[in-house]
């Protein structure tokens, strides 16, 4: 069984008021770099990017981080990733502060952006 962490990049980046809105692509790139070296116990980290953030990291896999470019909104892609992974038998955890999204990915465990940022 594979453990998968699905990251709502917009929500994680948006949780820290460090000027990310001036450079969404750069903020996505920094998050991606931190995930590559971060201290998590997950086999795969799925980083979901939307909008202007997609320019910061190419779609595809780098080591244990799989970057996915949402074709529309990030929430729909996160729900799709959770459903697909659970159907494969994976254990899925989602990082987001979006309560509506968290309710929509149940029974996946939902963790806060601060939980992730403390580990990367």
PDB file of N, CA and C in Angstrom:
ATOM      1  N   UNK A   1       0.846  -1.178   0.000  1.00  0.00           N
ATOM      2  CA  UNK A   1       0.000   0.000   0.000  1.00  0.00           C
ATOM      3  C   UNK A   1       0.895   1.247   0.000  1.00  0.00           C
ATOM      4  N   UNK A   2       0.591   2.174  -0.863  1.00  0.00           N
ATOM      5  CA  UNK A   2       1.371   3.398  -0.998  1.00  0.00           C
ATOM      6  C   UNK A   2       0.721   4.511  -0.192  1.00  0.00           C
ATOM      7  N   UNK A   3       1.539   5.250   0.541  1.00  0.00           N
ATOM      8  CA  UNK A   3       1.015   6.421   1.264  1.00  0.00           C
ATOM      9  C   UNK A   3       1.230   7.653   0.395  1.00  0.00           C
ATOM     10  N   UNK A   4       0.137   8.401   0.198  1.00  0.00           N
ATOM     11  CA  UNK A   4       0.151   9.544  -0.717  1.00  0.00           C
ATOM     12  C   UNK A   4      -0.298  10.795   0.029  1.00  0.00           C
ATOM     13  N   UNK A   5       0.460  11.854  -0.143  1.00  0.00           N
ATOM     14  CA  UNK A   5       0.120  13.169   0.402  1.00  0.00           C
ATOM     15  C   UNK A   5      -0.245  14.067  -0.766  1.00  0.00           C
ATOM     16  N   UNK A   6      -1.491  14.547  -0.809  1.00  0.00           N
ATOM     17  CA  UNK A   6      -1.948  15.443  -1.869  1.00  0.00           C
ATOM     18  C   UNK A   6      -1.938  16.857  -1.302  1.00  0.00           C
ATOM     19  N   UNK A   7      -1.182  17.737  -1.947  1.00  0.00           N
ATOM     20  CA  UNK A   7      -0.969  19.093  -1.431  1.00  0.00           C
ATOM     21  C   UNK A   7      -1.723  20.119  -2.266  1.00  0.00           C
ATOM     22  N   UNK A   8      -2.589  20.859  -1.597  1.00  0.00           N
ATOM     23  CA  UNK A   8      -3.299  21.990  -2.187  1.00  0.00           C
ATOM     24  C   UNK A   8      -2.318  23.161  -2.178  1.00  0.00           C
ATOM     25  N   UNK A   9      -1.539  23.281  -3.246  1.00  0.00           N
ATOM     26  CA  UNK A   9      -0.446  24.258  -3.282  1.00  0.00           C
ATOM     27  C   UNK A   9      -0.929  25.681  -3.051  1.00  0.00           C
ATOM     28  N   UNK A  10      -2.027  26.056  -3.675  1.00  0.00           N
ATOM     29  CA  UNK A  10      -2.531  27.425  -3.521  1.00  0.00           C
ATOM     30  C   UNK A  10      -2.854  27.717  -2.069  1.00  0.00           C
ATOM     31  N   UNK A  11      -3.405  26.744  -1.395  1.00  0.00           N
ATOM     32  CA  UNK A  11      -3.783  26.916   0.001  1.00  0.00           C
ATOM     33  C   UNK A  11      -2.560  26.970   0.911  1.00  0.00           C
ATOM     34  N   UNK A  12      -1.582  26.130   0.635  1.00  0.00           N
ATOM     35  CA  UNK A  12      -0.362  26.118   1.452  1.00  0.00           C
ATOM     36  C   UNK A  12       0.416  27.419   1.254  1.00  0.00           C
ATOM     37  N   UNK A  13       0.638  27.799   0.005  1.00  0.00           N
ATOM     38  CA  UNK A  13       1.366  29.034  -0.290  1.00  0.00           C
ATOM     39  C   UNK A  13       0.616  30.235   0.282  1.00  0.00           C
ATOM     40  N   UNK A  14      -0.697  30.231   0.154  1.00  0.00           N
ATOM     41  CA  UNK A  14      -1.508  31.334   0.629  1.00  0.00           C
ATOM     42  C   UNK A  14      -1.595  31.459   2.140  1.00  0.00           C
ATOM     43  N   UNK A  15      -1.130  30.455   2.856  1.00  0.00           N
ATOM     44  CA  UNK A  15      -1.209  30.493   4.320  1.00  0.00           C
ATOM     45  C   UNK A  15      -0.110  31.344   4.949  1.00  0.00           C
ATOM     46  N   UNK A  16       0.862  31.753   4.149  1.00  0.00           N
ATOM     47  CA  UNK A  16       1.976  32.563   4.655  1.00  0.00           C
ATOM     48  C   UNK A  16       2.011  33.886   3.883  1.00  0.00           C
ATOM     49  N   UNK A  17       1.746  35.005   4.545  1.00  0.00           N
ATOM     50  CA  UNK A  17       1.709  36.307   3.847  1.00  0.00           C
ATOM     51  C   UNK A  17       3.114  36.858   3.584  1.00  0.00           C
ATOM     52  N   UNK A  18       3.806  36.238   2.623  1.00  0.00           N
ATOM     53  CA  UNK A  18       5.195  36.620   2.343  1.00  0.00           C
ATOM     54  C   UNK A  18       5.366  37.261   0.966  1.00  0.00           C
ATOM     55  N   UNK A  19       4.262  37.722   0.383  1.00  0.00           N
ATOM     56  CA  UNK A  19       4.336  38.349  -0.932  1.00  0.00           C
ATOM     57  C   UNK A  19       4.146  37.384  -2.082  1.00  0.00           C
ATOM     58  N   UNK A  20       3.698  36.155  -1.807  1.00  0.00           N
ATOM     59  CA  UNK A  20       3.534  35.131  -2.837  1.00  0.00           C
ATOM     60  C   UNK A  20       2.670  35.612  -4.004  1.00  0.00           C
ATOM     61  N   UNK A  21       1.722  36.485  -3.738  1.00  0.00           N
ATOM     62  CA  UNK A  21       0.793  36.949  -4.775  1.00  0.00           C
ATOM     63  C   UNK A  21       1.501  37.765  -5.852  1.00  0.00           C
ATOM     64  N   UNK A  22       2.707  38.235  -5.568  1.00  0.00           N
ATOM     65  CA  UNK A  22       3.471  38.987  -6.569  1.00  0.00           C
ATOM     66  C   UNK A  22       4.180  38.060  -7.555  1.00  0.00           C
ATOM     67  N   UNK A  23       4.393  36.815  -7.136  1.00  0.00           N
ATOM     68  CA  UNK A  23       5.106  35.848  -7.970  1.00  0.00           C
ATOM     69  C   UNK A  23       4.596  34.444  -7.658  1.00  0.00           C
ATOM     70  N   UNK A  24       3.441  34.120  -8.202  1.00  0.00           N
ATOM     71  CA  UNK A  24       2.812  32.819  -7.926  1.00  0.00           C
ATOM     72  C   UNK A  24       3.684  31.663  -8.424  1.00  0.00           C
ATOM     73  N   UNK A  25       4.300  31.842  -9.592  1.00  0.00           N
ATOM     74  CA  UNK A  25       5.162  30.790 -10.136  1.00  0.00           C
ATOM     75  C   UNK A  25       6.373  30.572  -9.231  1.00  0.00           C
ATOM     76  N   UNK A  26       6.978  31.643  -8.759  1.00  0.00           N
ATOM     77  CA  UNK A  26       8.119  31.525  -7.862  1.00  0.00           C
ATOM     78  C   UNK A  26       7.744  30.878  -6.542  1.00  0.00           C
ATOM     79  N   UNK A  27       6.574  31.213  -6.030  1.00  0.00           N
ATOM     80  CA  UNK A  27       6.116  30.614  -4.775  1.00  0.00           C
ATOM     81  C   UNK A  27       5.888  29.114  -4.955  1.00  0.00           C
ATOM     82  N   UNK A  28       5.340  28.715  -6.098  1.00  0.00           N
ATOM     83  CA  UNK A  28       5.133  27.293  -6.378  1.00  0.00           C
ATOM     84  C   UNK A  28       6.471  26.567  -6.475  1.00  0.00           C
ATOM     85  N   UNK A  29       7.435  27.195  -7.125  1.00  0.00           N
ATOM     86  CA  UNK A  29       8.769  26.596  -7.269  1.00  0.00           C
ATOM     87  C   UNK A  29       9.423  26.384  -5.900  1.00  0.00           C
ATOM     88  N   UNK A  30       9.306  27.384  -5.022  1.00  0.00           N
ATOM     89  CA  UNK A  30       9.884  27.254  -3.673  1.00  0.00           C
ATOM     90  C   UNK A  30       9.222  26.132  -2.889  1.00  0.00           C
ATOM     91  N   UNK A  31       7.898  26.027  -2.993  1.00  0.00           N
ATOM     92  CA  UNK A  31       7.194  24.944  -2.300  1.00  0.00           C
ATOM     93  C   UNK A  31       7.643  23.596  -2.840  1.00  0.00           C
ATOM     94  N   UNK A  32       7.753  23.478  -4.145  1.00  0.00           N
ATOM     95  CA  UNK A  32       8.208  22.233  -4.768  1.00  0.00           C
ATOM     96  C   UNK A  32       9.604  21.856  -4.261  1.00  0.00           C
ATOM     97  N   UNK A  33      10.498  22.809  -4.242  1.00  0.00           N
ATOM     98  CA  UNK A  33      11.865  22.543  -3.772  1.00  0.00           C
ATOM     99  C   UNK A  33      11.867  22.085  -2.324  1.00  0.00           C
ATOM    100  N   UNK A  34      11.044  22.708  -1.504  1.00  0.00           N
ATOM    101  CA  UNK A  34      10.965  22.328  -0.092  1.00  0.00           C
ATOM    102  C   UNK A  34      10.385  20.924   0.068  1.00  0.00           C
ATOM    103  N   UNK A  35       9.417  20.565  -0.768  1.00  0.00           N
ATOM    104  CA  UNK A  35       8.831  19.224  -0.699  1.00  0.00           C
ATOM    105  C   UNK A  35       9.841  18.153  -1.095  1.00  0.00           C
ATOM    106  N   UNK A  36      10.731  18.480  -2.013  1.00  0.00           N
ATOM    107  CA  UNK A  36      11.743  17.507  -2.439  1.00  0.00           C
ATOM    108  C   UNK A  36      12.676  17.106  -1.306  1.00  0.00           C
ATOM    109  N   UNK A  37      12.957  18.029  -0.400  1.00  0.00           N
ATOM    110  CA  UNK A  37      13.911  17.748   0.684  1.00  0.00           C
ATOM    111  C   UNK A  37      13.255  17.684   2.058  1.00  0.00           C
ATOM    112  N   UNK A  38      11.943  17.877   2.120  1.00  0.00           N
ATOM    113  CA  UNK A  38      11.233  17.913   3.403  1.00  0.00           C
ATOM    114  C   UNK A  38      11.198  16.571   4.104  1.00  0.00           C
ATOM    115  N   UNK A  39      10.904  16.628   5.366  1.00  0.00           N
ATOM    116  CA  UNK A  39      10.883  15.445   6.221  1.00  0.00           C
ATOM    117  C   UNK A  39       9.441  14.949   6.386  1.00  0.00           C
ATOM    118  N   UNK A  40       8.990  14.164   5.421  1.00  0.00           N
ATOM    119  CA  UNK A  40       7.676  13.539   5.535  1.00  0.00           C
ATOM    120  C   UNK A  40       7.842  12.040   5.359  1.00  0.00           C
ATOM    121  N   UNK A  41       6.872  11.297   5.797  1.00  0.00           N
ATOM    122  CA  UNK A  41       6.958   9.836   5.722  1.00  0.00           C
ATOM    123  C   UNK A  41       6.155   9.274   4.553  1.00  0.00           C
ATOM    124  N   UNK A  42       5.740  10.115   3.627  1.00  0.00           N
ATOM    125  CA  UNK A  42       4.886   9.672   2.520  1.00  0.00           C
ATOM    126  C   UNK A  42       5.714   9.148   1.355  1.00  0.00           C
ATOM    127  N   UNK A  43       5.191   8.100   0.707  1.00  0.00           N
ATOM    128  CA  UNK A  43       5.875   7.526  -0.446  1.00  0.00           C
ATOM    129  C   UNK A  43       5.817   8.464  -1.651  1.00  0.00           C
ATOM    130  N   UNK A  44       4.679   9.120  -1.827  1.00  0.00           N
ATOM    131  CA  UNK A  44       4.469  10.020  -2.959  1.00  0.00           C
ATOM    132  C   UNK A  44       3.801  11.297  -2.448  1.00  0.00           C
ATOM    133  N   UNK A  45       4.285  12.423  -2.933  1.00  0.00           N
ATOM    134  CA  UNK A  45       3.636  13.707  -2.663  1.00  0.00           C
ATOM    135  C   UNK A  45       3.122  14.225  -3.993  1.00  0.00           C
ATOM    136  N   UNK A  46       1.813  14.485  -4.057  1.00  0.00           N
ATOM    137  CA  UNK A  46       1.198  15.029  -5.263  1.00  0.00           C
ATOM    138  C   UNK A  46       0.970  16.517  -5.021  1.00  0.00           C
ATOM    139  N   UNK A  47       1.683  17.338  -5.757  1.00  0.00           N
ATOM    140  CA  UNK A  47       1.584  18.787  -5.645  1.00  0.00           C
ATOM    141  C   UNK A  47       0.652  19.285  -6.738  1.00  0.00           C
ATOM    142  N   UNK A  48      -0.501  19.820  -6.359  1.00  0.00           N
ATOM    143  CA  UNK A  48      -1.491  20.280  -7.334  1.00  0.00           C
ATOM    144  C   UNK A  48      -1.362  21.794  -7.510  1.00  0.00           C
ATOM    145  N   UNK A  49      -1.034  22.196  -8.749  1.00  0.00           N
ATOM    146  CA  UNK A  49      -0.870  23.612  -9.084  1.00  0.00           C
ATOM    147  C   UNK A  49      -1.988  24.057 -10.006  1.00  0.00           C
ATOM    148  N   UNK A  50      -2.387  25.316  -9.852  1.00  0.00           N
ATOM    149  CA  UNK A  50      -3.417  25.902 -10.707  1.00  0.00           C
ATOM    150  C   UNK A  50      -3.004  27.307 -11.111  1.00  0.00           C
ATOM    151  N   UNK A  51      -3.648  27.820 -12.143  1.00  0.00           N
ATOM    152  CA  UNK A  51      -3.428  29.198 -12.567  1.00  0.00           C
ATOM    153  C   UNK A  51      -1.968  29.516 -12.850  1.00  0.00           C
ATOM    154  N   UNK A  52      -1.563  30.730 -12.438  1.00  0.00           N
ATOM    155  CA  UNK A  52      -0.211  31.217 -12.689  1.00  0.00           C
ATOM    156  C   UNK A  52       0.880  30.414 -12.015  1.00  0.00           C
ATOM    157  N   UNK A  53       0.532  29.659 -10.981  1.00  0.00           N
ATOM    158  CA  UNK A  53       1.529  28.843 -10.278  1.00  0.00           C
ATOM    159  C   UNK A  53       2.086  27.738 -11.171  1.00  0.00           C
ATOM    160  N   UNK A  54       1.306  27.316 -12.179  1.00  0.00           N
ATOM    161  CA  UNK A  54       1.750  26.230 -13.057  1.00  0.00           C
ATOM    162  C   UNK A  54       3.028  26.587 -13.812  1.00  0.00           C
ATOM    163  N   UNK A  55       3.291  27.865 -14.008  1.00  0.00           N
ATOM    164  CA  UNK A  55       4.501  28.276 -14.722  1.00  0.00           C
ATOM    165  C   UNK A  55       5.762  28.050 -13.890  1.00  0.00           C
ATOM    166  N   UNK A  56       5.610  27.812 -12.608  1.00  0.00           N
ATOM    167  CA  UNK A  56       6.767  27.669 -11.726  1.00  0.00           C
ATOM    168  C   UNK A  56       7.394  26.288 -11.687  1.00  0.00           C
ATOM    169  N   UNK A  57       6.606  25.262 -11.995  1.00  0.00           N
ATOM    170  CA  UNK A  57       7.089  23.882 -11.925  1.00  0.00           C
ATOM    171  C   UNK A  57       6.451  23.102 -13.067  1.00  0.00           C
ATOM    172  N   UNK A  58       7.257  22.391 -13.811  1.00  0.00           N
ATOM    173  CA  UNK A  58       6.709  21.587 -14.903  1.00  0.00           C
ATOM    174  C   UNK A  58       5.917  20.423 -14.324  1.00  0.00           C
ATOM    175  N   UNK A  59       4.898  19.995 -15.044  1.00  0.00           N
ATOM    176  CA  UNK A  59       4.129  18.823 -14.646  1.00  0.00           C
ATOM    177  C   UNK A  59       5.016  17.592 -14.794  1.00  0.00           C
ATOM    178  N   UNK A  60       4.892  16.672 -13.872  1.00  0.00           N
ATOM    179  CA  UNK A  60       5.660  15.439 -13.934  1.00  0.00           C
ATOM    180  C   UNK A  60       6.259  15.104 -12.585  1.00  0.00           C
ATOM    181  N   UNK A  61       7.066  14.060 -12.592  1.00  0.00           N
ATOM    182  CA  UNK A  61       7.622  13.536 -11.349  1.00  0.00           C
ATOM    183  C   UNK A  61       9.082  13.929 -11.174  1.00  0.00           C
ATOM    184  N   UNK A  62       9.407  14.370  -9.971  1.00  0.00           N
ATOM    185  CA  UNK A  62      10.785  14.622  -9.541  1.00  0.00           C
ATOM    186  C   UNK A  62      10.951  13.876  -8.229  1.00  0.00           C
ATOM    187  N   UNK A  63      11.732  12.774  -8.276  1.00  0.00           N
ATOM    188  CA  UNK A  63      11.915  11.928  -7.094  1.00  0.00           C
ATOM    189  C   UNK A  63      10.539  11.475  -6.596  1.00  0.00           C
ATOM    190  N   UNK A  64      10.190  11.794  -5.370  1.00  0.00           N
ATOM    191  CA  UNK A  64       8.913  11.355  -4.794  1.00  0.00           C
ATOM    192  C   UNK A  64       7.806  12.398  -4.926  1.00  0.00           C
ATOM    193  N   UNK A  65       8.069  13.510  -5.615  1.00  0.00           N
ATOM    194  CA  UNK A  65       7.078  14.577  -5.785  1.00  0.00           C
ATOM    195  C   UNK A  65       6.541  14.544  -7.220  1.00  0.00           C
ATOM    196  N   UNK A  66       5.226  14.370  -7.320  1.00  0.00           N
ATOM    197  CA  UNK A  66       4.544  14.393  -8.605  1.00  0.00           C
ATOM    198  C   UNK A  66       3.792  15.712  -8.698  1.00  0.00           C
ATOM    199  N   UNK A  67       4.156  16.540  -9.662  1.00  0.00           N
ATOM    200  CA  UNK A  67       3.482  17.822  -9.857  1.00  0.00           C
ATOM    201  C   UNK A  67       2.404  17.651 -10.918  1.00  0.00           C
ATOM    202  N   UNK A  68       1.194  18.087 -10.562  1.00  0.00           N
ATOM    203  CA  UNK A  68       0.046  17.980 -11.446  1.00  0.00           C
ATOM    204  C   UNK A  68      -0.474  19.383 -11.716  1.00  0.00           C
ATOM    205  N   UNK A  69      -0.673  19.708 -12.986  1.00  0.00           N
ATOM    206  CA  UNK A  69      -1.259  20.990 -13.375  1.00  0.00           C
ATOM    207  C   UNK A  69      -2.768  20.793 -13.519  1.00  0.00           C
ATOM    208  N   UNK A  70      -3.532  21.471 -12.684  1.00  0.00           N
ATOM    209  CA  UNK A  70      -4.988  21.364 -12.737  1.00  0.00           C
ATOM    210  C   UNK A  70      -5.498  21.972 -14.031  1.00  0.00           C
ATOM    211  N   UNK A  71      -6.291  21.234 -14.820  1.00  0.00           N
ATOM    212  CA  UNK A  71      -6.809  21.783 -16.073  1.00  0.00           C
ATOM    213  C   UNK A  71      -7.826  22.901 -15.839  1.00  0.00           C
ATOM    214  N   UNK A  72      -8.492  22.869 -14.715  1.00  0.00           N
ATOM    215  CA  UNK A  72      -9.461  23.916 -14.362  1.00  0.00           C
ATOM    216  C   UNK A  72      -9.081  24.427 -12.978  1.00  0.00           C
ATOM    217  N   UNK A  73      -9.914  24.158 -12.007  1.00  0.00           N
ATOM    218  CA  UNK A  73      -9.622  24.611 -10.644  1.00  0.00           C
ATOM    219  C   UNK A  73      -8.888  23.523  -9.863  1.00  0.00           C
ATOM    220  N   UNK A  74      -8.109  23.960  -8.899  1.00  0.00           N
ATOM    221  CA  UNK A  74      -7.312  23.036  -8.101  1.00  0.00           C
ATOM    222  C   UNK A  74      -8.144  22.071  -7.291  1.00  0.00           C
ATOM    223  N   UNK A  75      -9.266  22.536  -6.734  1.00  0.00           N
ATOM    224  CA  UNK A  75     -10.093  21.670  -5.891  1.00  0.00           C
ATOM    225  C   UNK A  75     -10.600  20.456  -6.659  1.00  0.00           C
ATOM    226  N   UNK A  76     -11.043  20.656  -7.888  1.00  0.00           N
ATOM    227  CA  UNK A  76     -11.528  19.529  -8.697  1.00  0.00           C
ATOM    228  C   UNK A  76     -10.418  18.521  -8.954  1.00  0.00           C
ATOM    229  N   UNK A  77      -9.216  19.021  -9.215  1.00  0.00           N
ATOM    230  CA  UNK A  77      -8.086  18.121  -9.462  1.00  0.00           C
ATOM    231  C   UNK A  77      -7.688  17.391  -8.185  1.00  0.00           C
ATOM    232  N   UNK A  78      -7.742  18.064  -7.058  1.00  0.00           N
ATOM    233  CA  UNK A  78      -7.423  17.411  -5.784  1.00  0.00           C
ATOM    234  C   UNK A  78      -8.426  16.297  -5.522  1.00  0.00           C
ATOM    235  N   UNK A  79      -9.711  16.561  -5.715  1.00  0.00           N
ATOM    236  CA  UNK A  79     -10.725  15.517  -5.521  1.00  0.00           C
ATOM    237  C   UNK A  79     -10.484  14.350  -6.473  1.00  0.00           C
ATOM    238  N   UNK A  80     -10.112  14.653  -7.718  1.00  0.00           N
ATOM    239  CA  UNK A  80      -9.831  13.589  -8.693  1.00  0.00           C
ATOM    240  C   UNK A  80      -8.633  12.746  -8.269  1.00  0.00           C
ATOM    241  N   UNK A  81      -7.577  13.419  -7.807  1.00  0.00           N
ATOM    242  CA  UNK A  81      -6.385  12.704  -7.342  1.00  0.00           C
ATOM    243  C   UNK A  81      -6.718  11.789  -6.162  1.00  0.00           C
ATOM    244  N   UNK A  82      -7.495  12.290  -5.214  1.00  0.00           N
ATOM    245  CA  UNK A  82      -7.862  11.496  -4.037  1.00  0.00           C
ATOM    246  C   UNK A  82      -8.669  10.275  -4.463  1.00  0.00           C
ATOM    247  N   UNK A  83      -9.659  10.482  -5.305  1.00  0.00           N
ATOM    248  CA  UNK A  83     -10.511   9.371  -5.758  1.00  0.00           C
ATOM    249  C   UNK A  83      -9.690   8.321  -6.493  1.00  0.00           C
ATOM    250  N   UNK A  84      -8.856   8.748  -7.433  1.00  0.00           N
ATOM    251  CA  UNK A  84      -8.032   7.822  -8.214  1.00  0.00           C
ATOM    252  C   UNK A  84      -7.089   7.030  -7.319  1.00  0.00           C
ATOM    253  N   UNK A  85      -6.445   7.704  -6.409  1.00  0.00           N
ATOM    254  CA  UNK A  85      -5.469   7.038  -5.527  1.00  0.00           C
ATOM    255  C   UNK A  85      -6.154   6.062  -4.576  1.00  0.00           C
ATOM    256  N   UNK A  86      -7.296   6.453  -4.029  1.00  0.00           N
ATOM    257  CA  UNK A  86      -8.018   5.558  -3.122  1.00  0.00           C
ATOM    258  C   UNK A  86      -8.509   4.318  -3.873  1.00  0.00           C
ATOM    259  N   UNK A  87      -8.938   4.489  -5.130  1.00  0.00           N
ATOM    260  CA  UNK A  87      -9.371   3.350  -5.933  1.00  0.00           C
ATOM    261  C   UNK A  87      -8.228   2.371  -6.177  1.00  0.00           C
ATOM    262  N   UNK A  88      -7.003   2.870  -6.196  1.00  0.00           N
ATOM    263  CA  UNK A  88      -5.808   2.013  -6.346  1.00  0.00           C
ATOM    264  C   UNK A  88      -5.459   1.289  -5.050  1.00  0.00           C
ATOM    265  N   UNK A  89      -6.083   1.714  -3.958  1.00  0.00           N
ATOM    266  CA  UNK A  89      -5.784   1.108  -2.666  1.00  0.00           C
ATOM    267  C   UNK A  89      -4.772   1.888  -1.857  1.00  0.00           C
ATOM    268  N   UNK A  90      -4.405   3.079  -2.323  1.00  0.00           N
ATOM    269  CA  UNK A  90      -3.449   3.903  -1.604  1.00  0.00           C
ATOM    270  C   UNK A  90      -4.093   4.525  -0.361  1.00  0.00           C
ATOM    271  N   UNK A  91      -3.268   4.836   0.612  1.00  0.00           N
ATOM    272  CA  UNK A  91      -3.687   5.606   1.777  1.00  0.00           C
ATOM    273  C   UNK A  91      -3.432   7.064   1.432  1.00  0.00           C
ATOM    274  N   UNK A  92      -4.469   7.893   1.508  1.00  0.00           N
ATOM    275  CA  UNK A  92      -4.370   9.271   1.025  1.00  0.00           C
ATOM    276  C   UNK A  92      -4.615  10.260   2.161  1.00  0.00           C
ATOM    277  N   UNK A  93      -3.735  11.276   2.217  1.00  0.00           N
ATOM    278  CA  UNK A  93      -3.870  12.397   3.134  1.00  0.00           C
ATOM    279  C   UNK A  93      -3.833  13.664   2.287  1.00  0.00           C
ATOM    280  N   UNK A  94      -4.650  14.646   2.660  1.00  0.00           N
ATOM    281  CA  UNK A  94      -4.718  15.908   1.922  1.00  0.00           C
ATOM    282  C   UNK A  94      -4.285  17.044   2.835  1.00  0.00           C
ATOM    283  N   UNK A  95      -3.471  17.945   2.299  1.00  0.00           N
ATOM    284  CA  UNK A  95      -3.081  19.151   3.026  1.00  0.00           C
ATOM    285  C   UNK A  95      -3.841  20.327   2.445  1.00  0.00           C
ATOM    286  N   UNK A  96      -4.717  20.903   3.257  1.00  0.00           N
ATOM    287  CA  UNK A  96      -5.490  22.078   2.869  1.00  0.00           C
ATOM    288  C   UNK A  96      -6.113  22.688   4.118  1.00  0.00           C
ATOM    289  N   UNK A  97      -6.434  23.965   4.033  1.00  0.00           N
ATOM    290  CA  UNK A  97      -7.191  24.623   5.104  1.00  0.00           C
ATOM    291  C   UNK A  97      -8.619  24.883   4.635  1.00  0.00           C
ATOM    292  N   UNK A  98      -8.935  24.474   3.423  1.00  0.00           N
ATOM    293  CA  UNK A  98     -10.248  24.677   2.829  1.00  0.00           C
ATOM    294  C   UNK A  98     -11.222  23.646   3.407  1.00  0.00           C
ATOM    295  N   UNK A  99     -12.112  24.081   4.269  1.00  0.00           N
ATOM    296  CA  UNK A  99     -13.026  23.157   4.950  1.00  0.00           C
ATOM    297  C   UNK A  99     -13.965  22.458   3.986  1.00  0.00           C
ATOM    298  N   UNK A 100     -14.450  23.174   2.982  1.00  0.00           N
ATOM    299  CA  UNK A 100     -15.348  22.550   2.008  1.00  0.00           C
ATOM    300  C   UNK A 100     -14.619  21.454   1.236  1.00  0.00           C
ATOM    301  N   UNK A 101     -13.406  21.724   0.818  1.00  0.00           N
ATOM    302  CA  UNK A 101     -12.610  20.712   0.128  1.00  0.00           C
ATOM    303  C   UNK A 101     -12.339  19.545   1.057  1.00  0.00           C
ATOM    304  N   UNK A 102     -11.970  19.829   2.290  1.00  0.00           N
ATOM    305  CA  UNK A 102     -11.720  18.768   3.263  1.00  0.00           C
ATOM    306  C   UNK A 102     -12.916  17.845   3.432  1.00  0.00           C
ATOM    307  N   UNK A 103     -14.106  18.409   3.472  1.00  0.00           N
ATOM    308  CA  UNK A 103     -15.322  17.608   3.591  1.00  0.00           C
ATOM    309  C   UNK A 103     -15.554  16.769   2.339  1.00  0.00           C
ATOM    310  N   UNK A 104     -15.141  17.286   1.187  1.00  0.00           N
ATOM    311  CA  UNK A 104     -15.355  16.581  -0.084  1.00  0.00           C
ATOM    312  C   UNK A 104     -14.362  15.464  -0.357  1.00  0.00           C
ATOM    313  N   UNK A 105     -13.288  15.388   0.400  1.00  0.00           N
ATOM    314  CA  UNK A 105     -12.306  14.323   0.179  1.00  0.00           C
ATOM    315  C   UNK A 105     -12.393  13.234   1.241  1.00  0.00           C
ATOM    316  N   UNK A 106     -13.372  13.346   2.137  1.00  0.00           N
ATOM    317  CA  UNK A 106     -13.568  12.325   3.158  1.00  0.00           C
ATOM    318  C   UNK A 106     -13.772  10.979   2.477  1.00  0.00           C
ATOM    319  N   UNK A 107     -13.229   9.932   3.028  1.00  0.00           N
ATOM    320  CA  UNK A 107     -12.645   9.779   4.353  1.00  0.00           C
ATOM    321  C   UNK A 107     -11.141  10.019   4.426  1.00  0.00           C
ATOM    322  N   UNK A 108     -10.557  10.653   3.418  1.00  0.00           N
ATOM    323  CA  UNK A 108      -9.126  10.951   3.496  1.00  0.00           C
ATOM    324  C   UNK A 108      -8.854  11.836   4.707  1.00  0.00           C
ATOM    325  N   UNK A 109      -7.736  11.610   5.341  1.00  0.00           N
ATOM    326  CA  UNK A 109      -7.292  12.455   6.444  1.00  0.00           C
ATOM    327  C   UNK A 109      -6.930  13.821   5.879  1.00  0.00           C
ATOM    328  N   UNK A 110      -7.294  14.884   6.570  1.00  0.00           N
ATOM    329  CA  UNK A 110      -6.979  16.245   6.128  1.00  0.00           C
ATOM    330  C   UNK A 110      -6.098  16.902   7.180  1.00  0.00           C
ATOM    331  N   UNK A 111      -4.955  17.423   6.733  1.00  0.00           N
ATOM    332  CA  UNK A 111      -4.017  18.117   7.614  1.00  0.00           C
ATOM    333  C   UNK A 111      -3.883  19.572   7.176  1.00  0.00           C
ATOM    334  N   UNK A 112      -3.474  20.415   8.091  1.00  0.00           N
ATOM    335  CA  UNK A 112      -3.384  21.850   7.821  1.00  0.00           C
ATOM    336  C   UNK A 112      -2.086  22.209   7.104  1.00  0.00           C
ATOM    337  N   UNK A 113      -2.080  23.348   6.406  1.00  0.00           N
ATOM    338  CA  UNK A 113      -0.837  23.831   5.802  1.00  0.00           C
ATOM    339  C   UNK A 113       0.283  23.992   6.840  1.00  0.00           C
ATOM    340  N   UNK A 114      -0.047  24.420   8.036  1.00  0.00           N
ATOM    341  CA  UNK A 114       1.005  24.602   9.056  1.00  0.00           C
ATOM    342  C   UNK A 114       1.649  23.264   9.414  1.00  0.00           C
ATOM    343  N   UNK A 115       0.887  22.189   9.406  1.00  0.00           N
ATOM    344  CA  UNK A 115       1.462  20.858   9.667  1.00  0.00           C
ATOM    345  C   UNK A 115       2.556  20.576   8.644  1.00  0.00           C
ATOM    346  N   UNK A 116       2.234  20.829   7.364  1.00  0.00           N
ATOM    347  CA  UNK A 116       3.212  20.566   6.313  1.00  0.00           C
ATOM    348  C   UNK A 116       4.404  21.521   6.404  1.00  0.00           C
ATOM    349  N   UNK A 117       4.142  22.783   6.569  1.00  0.00           N
ATOM    350  CA  UNK A 117       5.234  23.770   6.606  1.00  0.00           C
ATOM    351  C   UNK A 117       6.192  23.527   7.770  1.00  0.00           C
ATOM    352  N   UNK A 118       5.699  22.956   8.856  1.00  0.00           N
ATOM    353  CA  UNK A 118       6.572  22.607   9.982  1.00  0.00           C
ATOM    354  C   UNK A 118       7.535  21.480   9.637  1.00  0.00           C
ATOM    355  N   UNK A 119       7.239  20.729   8.590  1.00  0.00           N
ATOM    356  CA  UNK A 119       8.037  19.550   8.240  1.00  0.00           C
ATOM    357  C   UNK A 119       8.923  19.730   7.015  1.00  0.00           C
ATOM    358  N   UNK A 120       8.760  20.857   6.331  1.00  0.00           N
ATOM    359  CA  UNK A 120       9.572  21.012   5.116  1.00  0.00           C
ATOM    360  C   UNK A 120      10.450  22.249   5.183  1.00  0.00           C
TER     361      UNK A 120
END
